[in-house]
């Protein structure tokens, strides 16, 4: 592999979770999603011993999980906001195994929830580094996130300002559809205008149209120098002016521009015990990164700057329950949403309201932390937050996807015709609706 080369990587293990009873009792917190949100079960088959036997013959006993306690680990998201009730977890290693599983599940109408299983973003970063390359995608959660999940939500991250999103970086992919067809679009050509770009259907579709099994990613040359400025400011107006100035003066070497408010900084300093690089407190902080050719910096110091930003998603969980939102807003309205939430919400029931994100692409991450799940606070947040975003012509999902919880708000960012076309595509590619049901589409 040469500088400016391509990464062609297969996710070696995929987790496919087959749904059984929608509301199995006996598990601990969080509440079952089916109970908390009153979900009506779709017309899917129930897992039987015959089904389990088929999968064990295909994969072997060690890659078929039926133990309820083991399954629970796969049924709960890492921030513990939703919990499914799947009774079977499968761990295929090859595209052929994924094909046979989906073909069987489609025939028996067994619902499937795909989870990326092996190739972590940080692993890929280390792999390409030895070739003088870098991953174009950089996320705060790179230590725990997986490239399959990143592709499923079209994650943007901190470097989108310079390298764009995955629709551009992914040159080709291989995917398996609900009926077991393998779509081989793994071409590494930079130009391949031969009809519809099928790869883009799978990027950002959240596993509802197929399971991505291989991907070819364009990896840029690793810059010899990365420099970071950590700046404290006392108004968001100054933040915007600083960003405009950085964009004008730094131009193409500007690779990241992050903003952190004082509440978010408190997560890093008070909960994670990270040291602020600045001697005094400010209302806002900015991380400005440039990538170039002059190598004069302290690598450890640069990493410590970004650690403050990157660990916010993890650190907020120490406050208790976190209502987390990922939206896009025009920059003039970027922080006004946080100010509106401070005015609207019952602060006596809240630990903190914080905002941080990627100024370069208008992506704001909102965290509202409460001691425990609070239905009253949730009702104050929704639909108000999404209505605000819609009024400013923003997006209710910037890079984390619609998932289950935002399906009823999809219309705030998509018109009726677009949603209807999305439903028709879903019906064409997955007529039995077995792939990741209850997600994305209302």
Foldseek 3Di string as FASTA:
>chain_A
DAAQDKDKDFLQKKKKFWAADFADDDDDDDHAPCVVVVDDDDPADHDDPVNQVVLCVLANPVFKDQPQVVVQVVQADPLRPHGTRTRIMGIHGDLQSVLVNLQVCLVRRTFIEMDRDHAAQVNVQVVCVVNQWGAQADALCRVPDHVQLQQQQQFQHFQCLQRNTQVQFWQFFWWAFNNRDIDGGADPDNDDPDPDPVSVVRGRNNFLGTRTGIIMGRIHGAFLAKDKDKDAAADVVVVVVVVVVCCVPVPNQWRGKKKWAQLLLCLCCVQVVQDDPDDDDHGMMMITMGGHHDHDDDVVVNVSVCNSVSCSVVSLCVLARKDKFKKAFDSVCLCVLLVVLVVQADCVQWDDWIWMDTPSGRIIMIITHGNYDDPVRVVSVPPVSLLVCLVRLMGRHDRNHCFQPNQVSNCSNDPPVVLVVVVVSSCVRRVSSNTRPNTNHD
